[in-house]
Amino acid sequence: MSKDVVEMFEEFLSDEPAKWAKLSSDIQWRRLQLLLLREILIELRKLNSKGLQQEKVGG
């Protein structure tokens, strides 16, 4: 991926309710939501594996 997901998300931020309504039906917005969820899952897996490694060392 050439662009950071957070940067992509910031492009969609707006205080205009009309823009949010349009985004909710926009395929790009749906794709971005999936990318964000994917990034969250990756980070959670990293944290989980670090926690398991610490348990093995400590216990």
PDB file of N, CA and C in Angstrom:
ATOM      1  N   MET A   1       0.855  -1.163   0.000  1.00  0.00           N
ATOM      2  CA  MET A   1       0.000   0.000   0.000  1.00  0.00           C
ATOM      3  C   MET A   1       0.904   1.229   0.000  1.00  0.00           C
ATOM      4  N   SER A   2       0.662   2.120  -0.902  1.00  0.00           N
ATOM      5  CA  SER A   2       1.522   3.283  -1.055  1.00  0.00           C
ATOM      6  C   SER A   2       1.201   4.405  -0.076  1.00  0.00           C
ATOM      7  N   LYS A   3       0.018   4.395   0.491  1.00  0.00           N
ATOM      8  CA  LYS A   3      -0.405   5.485   1.367  1.00  0.00           C
ATOM      9  C   LYS A   3      -0.829   4.919   2.725  1.00  0.00           C
ATOM     10  N   ASP A   4      -0.479   5.628   3.778  1.00  0.00           N
ATOM     11  CA  ASP A   4      -0.855   5.205   5.117  1.00  0.00           C
ATOM     12  C   ASP A   4      -2.376   5.271   5.272  1.00  0.00           C
ATOM     13  N   VAL A   5      -2.945   4.288   5.953  1.00  0.00           N
ATOM     14  CA  VAL A   5      -4.398   4.232   6.119  1.00  0.00           C
ATOM     15  C   VAL A   5      -4.916   5.443   6.881  1.00  0.00           C
ATOM     16  N   VAL A   6      -4.166   5.901   7.861  1.00  0.00           N
ATOM     17  CA  VAL A   6      -4.589   7.075   8.638  1.00  0.00           C
ATOM     18  C   VAL A   6      -4.669   8.305   7.736  1.00  0.00           C
ATOM     19  N   GLU A   7      -3.703   8.466   6.851  1.00  0.00           N
ATOM     20  CA  GLU A   7      -3.743   9.594   5.904  1.00  0.00           C
ATOM     21  C   GLU A   7      -4.970   9.495   5.000  1.00  0.00           C
ATOM     22  N   MET A   8      -5.279   8.284   4.559  1.00  0.00           N
ATOM     23  CA  MET A   8      -6.456   8.099   3.713  1.00  0.00           C
ATOM     24  C   MET A   8      -7.727   8.465   4.476  1.00  0.00           C
ATOM     25  N   PHE A   9      -7.774   8.072   5.735  1.00  0.00           N
ATOM     26  CA  PHE A   9      -8.947   8.352   6.548  1.00  0.00           C
ATOM     27  C   PHE A   9      -9.149   9.848   6.743  1.00  0.00           C
ATOM     28  N   GLU A  10      -8.067  10.572   6.958  1.00  0.00           N
ATOM     29  CA  GLU A  10      -8.157  12.013   7.185  1.00  0.00           C
ATOM     30  C   GLU A  10      -8.740  12.755   5.991  1.00  0.00           C
ATOM     31  N   GLU A  11      -8.574  12.213   4.803  1.00  0.00           N
ATOM     32  CA  GLU A  11      -9.166  12.838   3.611  1.00  0.00           C
ATOM     33  C   GLU A  11     -10.686  12.845   3.679  1.00  0.00           C
ATOM     34  N   PHE A  12     -11.258  11.896   4.416  1.00  0.00           N
ATOM     35  CA  PHE A  12     -12.709  11.779   4.496  1.00  0.00           C
ATOM     36  C   PHE A  12     -13.313  12.566   5.658  1.00  0.00           C
ATOM     37  N   LEU A  13     -12.485  13.068   6.557  1.00  0.00           N
ATOM     38  CA  LEU A  13     -13.003  13.807   7.713  1.00  0.00           C
ATOM     39  C   LEU A  13     -13.592  15.141   7.281  1.00  0.00           C
ATOM     40  N   SER A  14     -14.753  15.419   7.799  1.00  0.00           N
ATOM     41  CA  SER A  14     -15.423  16.662   7.462  1.00  0.00           C
ATOM     42  C   SER A  14     -16.456  16.986   8.535  1.00  0.00           C
ATOM     43  N   ASP A  15     -16.698  18.277   8.731  1.00  0.00           N
ATOM     44  CA  ASP A  15     -17.736  18.698   9.670  1.00  0.00           C
ATOM     45  C   ASP A  15     -19.100  18.814   8.991  1.00  0.00           C
ATOM     46  N   GLU A  16     -19.137  18.606   7.692  1.00  0.00           N
ATOM     47  CA  GLU A  16     -20.379  18.750   6.937  1.00  0.00           C
ATOM     48  C   GLU A  16     -21.187  17.451   6.985  1.00  0.00           C
ATOM     49  N   PRO A  17     -22.394  17.482   7.566  1.00  0.00           N
ATOM     50  CA  PRO A  17     -23.231  16.278   7.626  1.00  0.00           C
ATOM     51  C   PRO A  17     -23.579  15.731   6.240  1.00  0.00           C
ATOM     52  N   ALA A  18     -23.728  16.618   5.278  1.00  0.00           N
ATOM     53  CA  ALA A  18     -24.066  16.165   3.921  1.00  0.00           C
ATOM     54  C   ALA A  18     -22.949  15.304   3.342  1.00  0.00           C
ATOM     55  N   LYS A  19     -21.716  15.665   3.633  1.00  0.00           N
ATOM     56  CA  LYS A  19     -20.590  14.884   3.129  1.00  0.00           C
ATOM     57  C   LYS A  19     -20.544  13.508   3.792  1.00  0.00           C
ATOM     58  N   TRP A  20     -20.843  13.450   5.086  1.00  0.00           N
ATOM     59  CA  TRP A  20     -20.867  12.161   5.772  1.00  0.00           C
ATOM     60  C   TRP A  20     -21.970  11.264   5.213  1.00  0.00           C
ATOM     61  N   ALA A  21     -23.114  11.831   4.891  1.00  0.00           N
ATOM     62  CA  ALA A  21     -24.193  11.040   4.316  1.00  0.00           C
ATOM     63  C   ALA A  21     -23.777  10.462   2.963  1.00  0.00           C
ATOM     64  N   LYS A  22     -23.092  11.271   2.176  1.00  0.00           N
ATOM     65  CA  LYS A  22     -22.625  10.804   0.877  1.00  0.00           C
ATOM     66  C   LYS A  22     -21.583   9.701   1.052  1.00  0.00           C
ATOM     67  N   LEU A  23     -20.692   9.865   2.018  1.00  0.00           N
ATOM     68  CA  LEU A  23     -19.639   8.878   2.236  1.00  0.00           C
ATOM     69  C   LEU A  23     -20.184   7.534   2.692  1.00  0.00           C
ATOM     70  N   SER A  24     -21.273   7.545   3.440  1.00  0.00           N
ATOM     71  CA  SER A  24     -21.806   6.292   3.955  1.00  0.00           C
ATOM     72  C   SER A  24     -22.232   5.346   2.839  1.00  0.00           C
ATOM     73  N   SER A  25     -22.526   5.881   1.664  1.00  0.00           N
ATOM     74  CA  SER A  25     -22.908   5.028   0.541  1.00  0.00           C
ATOM     75  C   SER A  25     -21.792   4.920  -0.499  1.00  0.00           C
ATOM     76  N   ASP A  26     -20.675   5.514  -0.220  1.00  0.00           N
ATOM     77  CA  ASP A  26     -19.575   5.545  -1.172  1.00  0.00           C
ATOM     78  C   ASP A  26     -18.703   4.305  -1.028  1.00  0.00           C
ATOM     79  N   ILE A  27     -18.383   3.670  -2.133  1.00  0.00           N
ATOM     80  CA  ILE A  27     -17.581   2.453  -2.113  1.00  0.00           C
ATOM     81  C   ILE A  27     -16.185   2.716  -1.559  1.00  0.00           C
ATOM     82  N   GLN A  28     -15.629   3.886  -1.821  1.00  0.00           N
ATOM     83  CA  GLN A  28     -14.310   4.216  -1.282  1.00  0.00           C
ATOM     84  C   GLN A  28     -14.348   4.263   0.239  1.00  0.00           C
ATOM     85  N   TRP A  29     -15.425   4.774   0.803  1.00  0.00           N
ATOM     86  CA  TRP A  29     -15.562   4.837   2.254  1.00  0.00           C
ATOM     87  C   TRP A  29     -15.636   3.433   2.833  1.00  0.00           C
ATOM     88  N   ARG A  30     -16.380   2.566   2.176  1.00  0.00           N
ATOM     89  CA  ARG A  30     -16.493   1.172   2.644  1.00  0.00           C
ATOM     90  C   ARG A  30     -15.129   0.488   2.589  1.00  0.00           C
ATOM     91  N   ARG A  31     -14.408   0.730   1.534  1.00  0.00           N
ATOM     92  CA  ARG A  31     -13.077   0.145   1.391  1.00  0.00           C
ATOM     93  C   ARG A  31     -12.152   0.662   2.491  1.00  0.00           C
ATOM     94  N   LEU A  32     -12.241   1.934   2.789  1.00  0.00           N
ATOM     95  CA  LEU A  32     -11.425   2.523   3.829  1.00  0.00           C
ATOM     96  C   LEU A  32     -11.769   1.935   5.201  1.00  0.00           C
ATOM     97  N   GLN A  33     -13.035   1.706   5.449  1.00  0.00           N
ATOM     98  CA  GLN A  33     -13.436   1.090   6.705  1.00  0.00           C
ATOM     99  C   GLN A  33     -12.799  -0.290   6.849  1.00  0.00           C
ATOM    100  N   LEU A  34     -12.809  -1.050   5.789  1.00  0.00           N
ATOM    101  CA  LEU A  34     -12.194  -2.374   5.823  1.00  0.00           C
ATOM    102  C   LEU A  34     -10.682  -2.285   6.044  1.00  0.00           C
ATOM    103  N   LEU A  35     -10.045  -1.320   5.408  1.00  0.00           N
ATOM    104  CA  LEU A  35      -8.608  -1.134   5.612  1.00  0.00           C
ATOM    105  C   LEU A  35      -8.296  -0.766   7.057  1.00  0.00           C
ATOM    106  N   LEU A  36      -9.109   0.097   7.636  1.00  0.00           N
ATOM    107  CA  LEU A  36      -8.904   0.485   9.034  1.00  0.00           C
ATOM    108  C   LEU A  36      -9.087  -0.708   9.971  1.00  0.00           C
ATOM    109  N   LEU A  37     -10.115  -1.492   9.727  1.00  0.00           N
ATOM    110  CA  LEU A  37     -10.334  -2.681  10.542  1.00  0.00           C
ATOM    111  C   LEU A  37      -9.168  -3.654  10.418  1.00  0.00           C
ATOM    112  N   ARG A  38      -8.648  -3.793   9.211  1.00  0.00           N
ATOM    113  CA  ARG A  38      -7.506  -4.677   8.972  1.00  0.00           C
ATOM    114  C   ARG A  38      -6.286  -4.197   9.764  1.00  0.00           C
ATOM    115  N   GLU A  39      -6.036  -2.891   9.735  1.00  0.00           N
ATOM    116  CA  GLU A  39      -4.904  -2.339  10.477  1.00  0.00           C
ATOM    117  C   GLU A  39      -5.071  -2.549  11.978  1.00  0.00           C
ATOM    118  N   ILE A  40      -6.282  -2.397  12.479  1.00  0.00           N
ATOM    119  CA  ILE A  40      -6.548  -2.616  13.897  1.00  0.00           C
ATOM    120  C   ILE A  40      -6.268  -4.072  14.261  1.00  0.00           C
ATOM    121  N   LEU A  41      -6.730  -4.991  13.426  1.00  0.00           N
ATOM    122  CA  LEU A  41      -6.492  -6.404  13.697  1.00  0.00           C
ATOM    123  C   LEU A  41      -5.016  -6.746  13.683  1.00  0.00           C
ATOM    124  N   ILE A  42      -4.274  -6.177  12.757  1.00  0.00           N
ATOM    125  CA  ILE A  42      -2.829  -6.413  12.693  1.00  0.00           C
ATOM    126  C   ILE A  42      -2.160  -5.936  13.976  1.00  0.00           C
ATOM    127  N   GLU A  43      -2.522  -4.735  14.430  1.00  0.00           N
ATOM    128  CA  GLU A  43      -1.939  -4.193  15.657  1.00  0.00           C
ATOM    129  C   GLU A  43      -2.314  -5.041  16.876  1.00  0.00           C
ATOM    130  N   LEU A  44      -3.561  -5.502  16.929  1.00  0.00           N
ATOM    131  CA  LEU A  44      -3.984  -6.345  18.046  1.00  0.00           C
ATOM    132  C   LEU A  44      -3.215  -7.660  18.058  1.00  0.00           C
ATOM    133  N   ARG A  45      -2.977  -8.236  16.893  1.00  0.00           N
ATOM    134  CA  ARG A  45      -2.192  -9.473  16.821  1.00  0.00           C
ATOM    135  C   ARG A  45      -0.769  -9.245  17.311  1.00  0.00           C
ATOM    136  N   LYS A  46      -0.184  -8.116  16.942  1.00  0.00           N
ATOM    137  CA  LYS A  46       1.178  -7.793  17.399  1.00  0.00           C
ATOM    138  C   LYS A  46       1.204  -7.679  18.918  1.00  0.00           C
ATOM    139  N   LEU A  47       0.244  -6.943  19.476  1.00  0.00           N
ATOM    140  CA  LEU A  47       0.183  -6.781  20.924  1.00  0.00           C
ATOM    141  C   LEU A  47      -0.041  -8.119  21.622  1.00  0.00           C
ATOM    142  N   ASN A  48      -0.895  -8.945  21.053  1.00  0.00           N
ATOM    143  CA  ASN A  48      -1.182 -10.248  21.631  1.00  0.00           C
ATOM    144  C   ASN A  48       0.061 -11.134  21.619  1.00  0.00           C
ATOM    145  N   SER A  49       0.793 -11.148  20.524  1.00  0.00           N
ATOM    146  CA  SER A  49       1.988 -11.990  20.448  1.00  0.00           C
ATOM    147  C   SER A  49       3.068 -11.487  21.398  1.00  0.00           C
ATOM    148  N   LYS A  50       3.195 -10.175  21.568  1.00  0.00           N
ATOM    149  CA  LYS A  50       4.152  -9.619  22.533  1.00  0.00           C
ATOM    150  C   LYS A  50       3.770 -10.040  23.949  1.00  0.00           C
ATOM    151  N   GLY A  51       2.475  -9.998  24.241  1.00  0.00           N
ATOM    152  CA  GLY A  51       2.002 -10.410  25.565  1.00  0.00           C
ATOM    153  C   GLY A  51       2.269 -11.877  25.837  1.00  0.00           C
ATOM    154  N   LEU A  52       2.065 -12.728  24.848  1.00  0.00           N
ATOM    155  CA  LEU A  52       2.329 -14.145  24.999  1.00  0.00           C
ATOM    156  C   LEU A  52       3.821 -14.414  25.189  1.00  0.00           C
ATOM    157  N   GLN A  53       4.659 -13.671  24.473  1.00  0.00           N
ATOM    158  CA  GLN A  53       6.107 -13.831  24.621  1.00  0.00           C
ATOM    159  C   GLN A  53       6.548 -13.439  26.029  1.00  0.00           C
ATOM    160  N   GLN A  54       5.975 -12.372  26.560  1.00  0.00           N
ATOM    161  CA  GLN A  54       6.327 -11.928  27.910  1.00  0.00           C
ATOM    162  C   GLN A  54       5.879 -12.948  28.944  1.00  0.00           C
ATOM    163  N   GLU A  55       4.728 -13.580  28.735  1.00  0.00           N
ATOM    164  CA  GLU A  55       4.243 -14.602  29.663  1.00  0.00           C
ATOM    165  C   GLU A  55       5.179 -15.801  29.680  1.00  0.00           C
ATOM    166  N   LYS A  56       5.679 -16.201  28.504  1.00  0.00           N
ATOM    167  CA  LYS A  56       6.587 -17.340  28.410  1.00  0.00           C
ATOM    168  C   LYS A  56       7.902 -17.050  29.121  1.00  0.00           C
ATOM    169  N   VAL A  57       8.397 -15.827  28.963  1.00  0.00           N
ATOM    170  CA  VAL A  57       9.658 -15.447  29.595  1.00  0.00           C
ATOM    171  C   VAL A  57       9.479 -15.322  31.109  1.00  0.00           C
ATOM    172  N   GLY A  58       8.376 -14.721  31.518  1.00  0.00           N
ATOM    173  CA  GLY A  58       8.131 -14.474  32.918  1.00  0.00           C
ATOM    174  C   GLY A  58       7.595 -15.675  33.686  1.00  0.00           C
ATOM    175  N   GLY A  59       6.944 -16.588  32.983  1.00  0.00           N
ATOM    176  CA  GLY A  59       6.254 -17.688  33.689  1.00  0.00           C
ATOM    177  C   GLY A  59       6.793 -18.962  33.355  1.00  0.00           C
TER     178      GLY A  59
END
